[in-house]
Amino acid sequence: MSVTARVRIQHEDFDLAREVAALRSGDARVGAVASFIGTVRDRSGGDGPADTTRMELEHYPGMTEASIEAMIDAAMQRFAILGARVVHRVGALDAGAQIVLVVVTSSHRGDAFAACEFLMDYLKTQAPFWKKEHRPDGSAEWVDARVADDAAATRWGLTGSNASAAALRSR
């Protein structure tokens, strides 16, 4: 699979080193690389048995990629970055599996860190993804947007949330 696209939505796992190498390839201006990997986690906080055994992720093909591409364009205008890549997995993922990768390159670390955080806050609140958590007892529920994620996004001027996008899923 090619690693040159800025946005990829896929079932397959990804490799951080491969993605970073492809993003940096041939660009001697790159002095900083910031990355974030999100994983399927147990939300019990370690206070008892695991409460999430698997997560199912859905999206709207075409709309999701276009939405993330537009946010990468916004990040490139807002921060002095040289490149960005977002890889997001969909389908059924077991606890501990990688879900999302955001990688940003720039000449200096400050812009790379800020742009990476900006893109993650966008993904958590604006991107059209829906998550269903599966429990050890066989039950499952769709995950609602979290207030803390919405609050993080407002510092960038991002408004709305996946809570409003949840209405699309129920149609």
C-alpha atoms as a PDB file:
ATOM      1  CA  MET A   1       0.000   0.000   0.000  1.00  0.00           C
ATOM      2  CA  SER A   2       1.276   3.465  -0.875  1.00  0.00           C
ATOM      3  CA  VAL A   3       2.106   5.789   2.038  1.00  0.00           C
ATOM      4  CA  THR A   4       2.154   9.004  -0.007  1.00  0.00           C
ATOM      5  CA  ALA A   5      -1.462  10.110   0.553  1.00  0.00           C
ATOM      6  CA  ARG A   6      -2.085  12.763   3.188  1.00  0.00           C
ATOM      7  CA  VAL A   7      -5.228  10.981   4.395  1.00  0.00           C
ATOM      8  CA  ARG A   8      -5.924   7.268   4.456  1.00  0.00           C
ATOM      9  CA  ILE A   9      -8.874   5.450   5.968  1.00  0.00           C
ATOM     10  CA  GLN A  10      -8.160   1.738   6.146  1.00  0.00           C
ATOM     11  CA  HIS A  11      -8.821  -1.541   7.921  1.00  0.00           C
ATOM     12  CA  GLU A  12      -5.139  -2.526   7.992  1.00  0.00           C
ATOM     13  CA  ASP A  13      -2.733  -1.539  10.738  1.00  0.00           C
ATOM     14  CA  PHE A  14      -0.069   1.102  10.060  1.00  0.00           C
ATOM     15  CA  ASP A  15       3.642   1.399  10.804  1.00  0.00           C
ATOM     16  CA  LEU A  16       4.858   4.644  12.398  1.00  0.00           C
ATOM     17  CA  ALA A  17       8.430   4.376  11.098  1.00  0.00           C
ATOM     18  CA  ARG A  18       7.258   3.740   7.540  1.00  0.00           C
ATOM     19  CA  GLU A  19       4.806   6.657   7.618  1.00  0.00           C
ATOM     20  CA  VAL A  20       7.385   9.075   9.048  1.00  0.00           C
ATOM     21  CA  ALA A  21      10.022   7.999   6.528  1.00  0.00           C
ATOM     22  CA  ALA A  22       7.604   8.562   3.650  1.00  0.00           C
ATOM     23  CA  LEU A  23       6.542  11.983   4.937  1.00  0.00           C
ATOM     24  CA  ARG A  24      10.154  13.144   5.455  1.00  0.00           C
ATOM     25  CA  SER A  25      11.481  11.629   2.240  1.00  0.00           C
ATOM     26  CA  GLY A  26      13.550  14.052   0.202  1.00  0.00           C
ATOM     27  CA  ASP A  27      12.695  17.148   2.261  1.00  0.00           C
ATOM     28  CA  ALA A  28      15.892  18.510   3.834  1.00  0.00           C
ATOM     29  CA  ARG A  29      13.890  21.353   5.422  1.00  0.00           C
ATOM     30  CA  VAL A  30      12.382  18.969   7.978  1.00  0.00           C
ATOM     31  CA  GLY A  31      13.868  19.659  11.393  1.00  0.00           C
ATOM     32  CA  ALA A  32      11.005  18.297  13.484  1.00  0.00           C
ATOM     33  CA  VAL A  33       8.514  15.465  13.349  1.00  0.00           C
ATOM     34  CA  ALA A  34       5.639  15.238  15.814  1.00  0.00           C
ATOM     35  CA  SER A  35       3.344  12.255  15.923  1.00  0.00           C
ATOM     36  CA  PHE A  36       0.404  10.884  17.847  1.00  0.00           C
ATOM     37  CA  ILE A  37      -0.945   7.337  17.894  1.00  0.00           C
ATOM     38  CA  GLY A  38      -4.312   6.603  19.473  1.00  0.00           C
ATOM     39  CA  THR A  39      -5.175   3.073  20.590  1.00  0.00           C
ATOM     40  CA  VAL A  40      -8.256   1.147  21.711  1.00  0.00           C
ATOM     41  CA  ARG A  41      -8.136   1.432  25.472  1.00  0.00           C
ATOM     42  CA  ASP A  42      -9.898   0.025  28.460  1.00  0.00           C
ATOM     43  CA  ARG A  43     -11.983   2.865  29.907  1.00  0.00           C
ATOM     44  CA  SER A  44     -12.328   1.241  33.364  1.00  0.00           C
ATOM     45  CA  GLY A  45      -9.224   3.126  34.518  1.00  0.00           C
ATOM     46  CA  GLY A  46      -7.640  -0.056  35.834  1.00  0.00           C
ATOM     47  CA  ASP A  47      -9.997  -0.167  38.827  1.00  0.00           C
ATOM     48  CA  GLY A  48     -11.481  -3.501  37.864  1.00  0.00           C
ATOM     49  CA  PRO A  49     -11.994  -5.831  34.967  1.00  0.00           C
ATOM     50  CA  ALA A  50     -11.573  -4.453  31.459  1.00  0.00           C
ATOM     51  CA  ASP A  51     -14.734  -2.784  30.179  1.00  0.00           C
ATOM     52  CA  THR A  52     -13.828  -2.600  26.485  1.00  0.00           C
ATOM     53  CA  THR A  53     -12.877  -5.728  24.571  1.00  0.00           C
ATOM     54  CA  ARG A  54     -13.318  -4.382  21.065  1.00  0.00           C
ATOM     55  CA  MET A  55     -14.183  -1.162  19.268  1.00  0.00           C
ATOM     56  CA  GLU A  56     -16.002  -0.854  15.969  1.00  0.00           C
ATOM     57  CA  LEU A  57     -15.362   2.262  13.880  1.00  0.00           C
ATOM     58  CA  GLU A  58     -17.498   3.467  10.993  1.00  0.00           C
ATOM     59  CA  HIS A  59     -17.223   6.413   8.606  1.00  0.00           C
ATOM     60  CA  TYR A  60     -18.723   7.868   5.448  1.00  0.00           C
ATOM     61  CA  PRO A  61     -16.280   7.075   2.610  1.00  0.00           C
ATOM     62  CA  GLY A  62     -15.382  10.134   0.592  1.00  0.00           C
ATOM     63  CA  MET A  63     -16.866  12.603   3.070  1.00  0.00           C
ATOM     64  CA  THR A  64     -14.467  11.576   5.827  1.00  0.00           C
ATOM     65  CA  GLU A  65     -11.361  11.902   3.655  1.00  0.00           C
ATOM     66  CA  ALA A  66     -12.477  15.272   2.249  1.00  0.00           C
ATOM     67  CA  SER A  67     -13.177  16.578   5.745  1.00  0.00           C
ATOM     68  CA  ILE A  68      -9.733  15.587   7.029  1.00  0.00           C
ATOM     69  CA  GLU A  69      -8.018  16.930   3.886  1.00  0.00           C
ATOM     70  CA  ALA A  70      -9.686  20.310   4.519  1.00  0.00           C
ATOM     71  CA  MET A  71      -8.458  20.313   8.120  1.00  0.00           C
ATOM     72  CA  ILE A  72      -4.899  19.502   6.995  1.00  0.00           C
ATOM     73  CA  ASP A  73      -5.151  22.485   4.627  1.00  0.00           C
ATOM     74  CA  ALA A  74      -6.278  24.623   7.591  1.00  0.00           C
ATOM     75  CA  ALA A  75      -3.352  23.348   9.687  1.00  0.00           C
ATOM     76  CA  MET A  76      -0.924  24.208   6.890  1.00  0.00           C
ATOM     77  CA  GLN A  77      -2.287  27.773   6.793  1.00  0.00           C
ATOM     78  CA  ARG A  78      -2.316  28.154  10.584  1.00  0.00           C
ATOM     79  CA  PHE A  79       1.103  26.660  11.386  1.00  0.00           C
ATOM     80  CA  ALA A  80       4.484  26.691   9.636  1.00  0.00           C
ATOM     81  CA  ILE A  81       4.405  23.005   8.761  1.00  0.00           C
ATOM     82  CA  LEU A  82       5.857  21.212   5.772  1.00  0.00           C
ATOM     83  CA  GLY A  83       3.673  18.135   5.662  1.00  0.00           C
ATOM     84  CA  ALA A  84       1.016  16.150   7.482  1.00  0.00           C
ATOM     85  CA  ARG A  85      -0.428  12.684   7.343  1.00  0.00           C
ATOM     86  CA  VAL A  86      -3.492  11.156   8.990  1.00  0.00           C
ATOM     87  CA  VAL A  87      -4.122   7.422   8.916  1.00  0.00           C
ATOM     88  CA  HIS A  88      -7.360   6.300  10.581  1.00  0.00           C
ATOM     89  CA  ARG A  89      -8.495   2.733  10.897  1.00  0.00           C
ATOM     90  CA  VAL A  90     -12.074   1.516  10.622  1.00  0.00           C
ATOM     91  CA  GLY A  91     -13.770  -1.795  11.259  1.00  0.00           C
ATOM     92  CA  ALA A  92     -13.512  -4.014  14.328  1.00  0.00           C
ATOM     93  CA  LEU A  93     -10.398  -3.408  16.444  1.00  0.00           C
ATOM     94  CA  ASP A  94      -9.405  -5.344  19.556  1.00  0.00           C
ATOM     95  CA  ALA A  95      -8.310  -3.696  22.807  1.00  0.00           C
ATOM     96  CA  GLY A  96      -4.747  -2.396  22.430  1.00  0.00           C
ATOM     97  CA  ALA A  97      -4.979  -1.980  18.645  1.00  0.00           C
ATOM     98  CA  GLN A  98      -3.809   1.216  16.959  1.00  0.00           C
ATOM     99  CA  ILE A  99      -6.703   3.401  15.748  1.00  0.00           C
ATOM    100  CA  VAL A 100      -5.247   6.648  14.453  1.00  0.00           C
ATOM    101  CA  LEU A 101      -1.927   8.157  13.442  1.00  0.00           C
ATOM    102  CA  VAL A 102      -1.231  11.857  12.999  1.00  0.00           C
ATOM    103  CA  VAL A 103       2.255  12.861  11.809  1.00  0.00           C
ATOM    104  CA  VAL A 104       3.375  16.438  11.137  1.00  0.00           C
ATOM    105  CA  THR A 105       6.695  17.743   9.828  1.00  0.00           C
ATOM    106  CA  SER A 106       8.074  21.252  10.131  1.00  0.00           C
ATOM    107  CA  SER A 107      11.353  23.090  10.400  1.00  0.00           C
ATOM    108  CA  HIS A 108      10.842  23.644  14.143  1.00  0.00           C
ATOM    109  CA  ARG A 109       9.231  21.555  16.883  1.00  0.00           C
ATOM    110  CA  GLY A 110       6.734  24.139  18.152  1.00  0.00           C
ATOM    111  CA  ASP A 111       4.737  24.217  14.934  1.00  0.00           C
ATOM    112  CA  ALA A 112       4.914  20.434  14.569  1.00  0.00           C
ATOM    113  CA  PHE A 113       3.591  19.846  18.110  1.00  0.00           C
ATOM    114  CA  ALA A 114       0.845  22.469  17.786  1.00  0.00           C
ATOM    115  CA  ALA A 115      -0.325  21.244  14.380  1.00  0.00           C
ATOM    116  CA  CYS A 116      -0.365  17.632  15.562  1.00  0.00           C
ATOM    117  CA  GLU A 117      -2.507  18.575  18.556  1.00  0.00           C
ATOM    118  CA  PHE A 118      -4.774  20.756  16.394  1.00  0.00           C
ATOM    119  CA  LEU A 119      -5.368  17.865  13.992  1.00  0.00           C
ATOM    120  CA  MET A 120      -6.073  15.395  16.818  1.00  0.00           C
ATOM    121  CA  ASP A 121      -8.542  17.794  18.452  1.00  0.00           C
ATOM    122  CA  TYR A 122     -10.251  18.133  15.078  1.00  0.00           C
ATOM    123  CA  LEU A 123     -10.403  14.371  14.577  1.00  0.00           C
ATOM    124  CA  LYS A 124     -11.905  13.805  18.034  1.00  0.00           C
ATOM    125  CA  THR A 125     -14.663  16.373  17.575  1.00  0.00           C
ATOM    126  CA  GLN A 126     -15.334  17.112  13.917  1.00  0.00           C
ATOM    127  CA  ALA A 127     -14.382  14.184  11.698  1.00  0.00           C
ATOM    128  CA  PRO A 128     -17.290  11.927  10.683  1.00  0.00           C
ATOM    129  CA  PHE A 129     -16.307   8.752  12.547  1.00  0.00           C
ATOM    130  CA  TRP A 130     -18.513   6.738  14.876  1.00  0.00           C
ATOM    131  CA  LYS A 131     -17.297   4.356  17.537  1.00  0.00           C
ATOM    132  CA  LYS A 132     -19.114   1.463  19.159  1.00  0.00           C
ATOM    133  CA  GLU A 133     -17.523  -0.074  22.242  1.00  0.00           C
ATOM    134  CA  HIS A 134     -18.067  -3.774  22.921  1.00  0.00           C
ATOM    135  CA  ARG A 135     -18.065  -5.033  26.525  1.00  0.00           C
ATOM    136  CA  PRO A 136     -16.967  -8.389  27.970  1.00  0.00           C
ATOM    137  CA  ASP A 137     -20.634  -9.257  28.685  1.00  0.00           C
ATOM    138  CA  GLY A 138     -21.464  -8.976  24.974  1.00  0.00           C
ATOM    139  CA  SER A 139     -23.195  -5.597  25.200  1.00  0.00           C
ATOM    140  CA  ALA A 140     -22.191  -2.678  22.993  1.00  0.00           C
ATOM    141  CA  GLU A 141     -22.898   1.029  22.853  1.00  0.00           C
ATOM    142  CA  TRP A 142     -22.077   3.951  20.585  1.00  0.00           C
ATOM    143  CA  VAL A 143     -19.593   6.365  22.164  1.00  0.00           C
ATOM    144  CA  ASP A 144     -20.866   9.921  22.580  1.00  0.00           C
ATOM    145  CA  ALA A 145     -18.658  12.953  22.090  1.00  0.00           C
ATOM    146  CA  ARG A 146     -16.885  13.928  25.292  1.00  0.00           C
ATOM    147  CA  VAL A 147     -17.161  17.391  26.803  1.00  0.00           C
ATOM    148  CA  ALA A 148     -13.381  17.488  27.377  1.00  0.00           C
ATOM    149  CA  ASP A 149     -12.751  16.864  23.664  1.00  0.00           C
ATOM    150  CA  ASP A 150     -15.133  19.677  22.693  1.00  0.00           C
ATOM    151  CA  ALA A 151     -13.423  22.018  25.181  1.00  0.00           C
ATOM    152  CA  ALA A 152      -9.993  21.197  23.713  1.00  0.00           C
ATOM    153  CA  ALA A 153     -11.260  21.952  20.199  1.00  0.00           C
ATOM    154  CA  THR A 154     -12.680  25.357  21.152  1.00  0.00           C
ATOM    155  CA  ARG A 155      -9.217  26.760  21.853  1.00  0.00           C
ATOM    156  CA  TRP A 156      -8.538  26.386  18.122  1.00  0.00           C
ATOM    157  CA  GLY A 157     -11.846  28.008  17.193  1.00  0.00           C
ATOM    158  CA  LEU A 158     -13.384  24.669  16.168  1.00  0.00           C
ATOM    159  CA  THR A 159     -17.106  24.580  16.858  1.00  0.00           C
ATOM    160  CA  GLY A 160     -19.658  21.819  16.780  1.00  0.00           C
ATOM    161  CA  SER A 161     -18.899  18.264  17.751  1.00  0.00           C
ATOM    162  CA  ASN A 162     -19.355  14.642  16.875  1.00  0.00           C
ATOM    163  CA  ALA A 163     -22.471  14.860  19.040  1.00  0.00           C
ATOM    164  CA  SER A 164     -24.167  16.725  16.207  1.00  0.00           C
ATOM    165  CA  ALA A 165     -22.692  14.298  13.686  1.00  0.00           C
ATOM    166  CA  ALA A 166     -24.212  11.402  15.655  1.00  0.00           C
ATOM    167  CA  ALA A 167     -27.555  12.432  14.195  1.00  0.00           C
ATOM    168  CA  LEU A 168     -26.213  11.452  10.750  1.00  0.00           C
ATOM    169  CA  ARG A 169     -25.430   7.959  11.994  1.00  0.00           C
ATOM    170  CA  SER A 170     -28.955   7.427  13.288  1.00  0.00           C
ATOM    171  CA  ARG A 171     -30.557   8.274   9.903  1.00  0.00           C
END
